[in-house]
Amino acid sequence: MLPSWQEMVPVLILLIVIFGARKLPEIGSGLGKGIKEFKKSMKDIEKDDTEEKKDETAHKAEPIEAEVEKEDNKKDN
């Protein structure tokens, strides 16, 4: 639930008093960049996890195929 404007006004006044009006855009910009980088990192981690799962599945299938080929070779001999 978002705070109402009545709650935001005192917070904004306090921020202006503490940091000054000139610093607030810099702080907001830095915060936005940090959030963007965090989201990007989370997407990269999720992408890596799905690729690892695909690789694990592929590696599990390879030995089974190799065993089938070995059995076929034994039957041919």
Protein backbone atom coordinates (compact mmCIF):
# COMPACT_ATOMS: atom_id res chain seq x y z
CA MET A 1 0.00 0.00 0.00
CA LEU A 2 1.44 3.35 -1.02
CA PRO A 3 1.67 6.17 1.50
CA SER A 4 -0.73 9.07 1.08
CA TRP A 5 0.40 12.57 0.06
CA GLN A 6 -0.08 13.68 3.67
CA GLU A 7 2.61 11.25 4.73
CA MET A 8 4.93 12.06 1.84
CA VAL A 9 5.04 15.85 2.34
CA PRO A 10 6.81 15.77 5.75
CA VAL A 11 9.24 13.13 4.47
CA LEU A 12 10.10 15.24 1.40
CA ILE A 13 10.56 18.37 3.53
CA LEU A 14 12.85 16.46 5.86
CA LEU A 15 14.89 15.15 2.92
CA ILE A 16 15.26 18.65 1.49
CA VAL A 17 16.42 19.98 4.87
CA ILE A 18 18.94 17.16 5.37
CA PHE A 19 20.39 16.82 1.88
CA GLY A 20 19.47 20.07 0.18
CA ALA A 21 17.47 20.55 -3.01
CA ARG A 22 20.55 20.23 -5.23
CA LYS A 23 21.54 16.79 -3.96
CA LEU A 24 18.12 15.10 -4.21
CA PRO A 25 18.24 14.54 -8.01
CA GLU A 26 21.70 13.01 -7.68
CA ILE A 27 20.53 10.73 -4.89
CA GLY A 28 17.45 9.69 -6.86
CA SER A 29 19.52 9.02 -9.97
CA GLY A 30 22.01 6.91 -8.04
CA LEU A 31 19.22 4.96 -6.39
CA GLY A 32 17.55 4.32 -9.75
CA LYS A 33 20.80 3.09 -11.29
CA GLY A 34 21.38 0.78 -8.34
CA ILE A 35 17.92 -0.74 -8.64
CA LYS A 36 18.37 -1.20 -12.40
CA GLU A 37 21.72 -2.97 -11.90
CA PHE A 38 20.21 -5.20 -9.20
CA LYS A 39 17.36 -6.27 -11.50
CA LYS A 40 19.82 -6.94 -14.32
CA SER A 41 21.93 -9.13 -12.03
CA MET A 42 18.87 -11.08 -10.92
CA LYS A 43 17.88 -11.76 -14.55
CA ASP A 44 21.43 -12.90 -15.34
CA ILE A 45 21.41 -15.28 -12.38
CA GLU A 46 18.05 -16.74 -13.43
CA LYS A 47 19.33 -17.14 -17.00
CA ASP A 48 22.46 -18.93 -15.78
CA ASP A 49 20.38 -21.26 -13.60
CA THR A 50 18.13 -22.27 -16.50
CA GLU A 51 21.16 -22.87 -18.73
CA GLU A 52 22.76 -25.06 -16.05
CA LYS A 53 19.58 -27.10 -15.74
CA LYS A 54 19.50 -27.61 -19.50
CA ASP A 55 23.16 -28.67 -19.45
CA GLU A 56 22.53 -31.12 -16.61
CA THR A 57 19.63 -32.65 -18.52
CA ALA A 58 21.76 -32.99 -21.64
CA HIS A 59 24.60 -34.60 -19.69
CA LYS A 60 22.23 -37.09 -18.11
CA ALA A 61 20.93 -38.13 -21.53
CA GLU A 62 24.39 -38.70 -23.04
CA PRO A 63 25.39 -41.75 -20.96
CA ILE A 64 22.10 -43.47 -21.76
CA GLU A 65 22.67 -42.97 -25.47
CA ALA A 66 26.25 -44.22 -25.10
CA GLU A 67 25.01 -47.38 -23.36
CA VAL A 68 22.54 -48.04 -26.17
CA GLU A 69 25.33 -47.67 -28.74
CA LYS A 70 27.53 -50.08 -26.76
CA GLU A 71 24.75 -52.62 -26.69
CA ASP A 72 24.21 -52.22 -30.44
CA ASN A 73 27.91 -52.75 -31.05
CA LYS A 74 27.88 -55.92 -28.92
CA LYS A 75 24.93 -57.29 -30.90
CA ASP A 76 26.73 -56.60 -34.19
CA ASN A 77 29.81 -58.54 -33.09
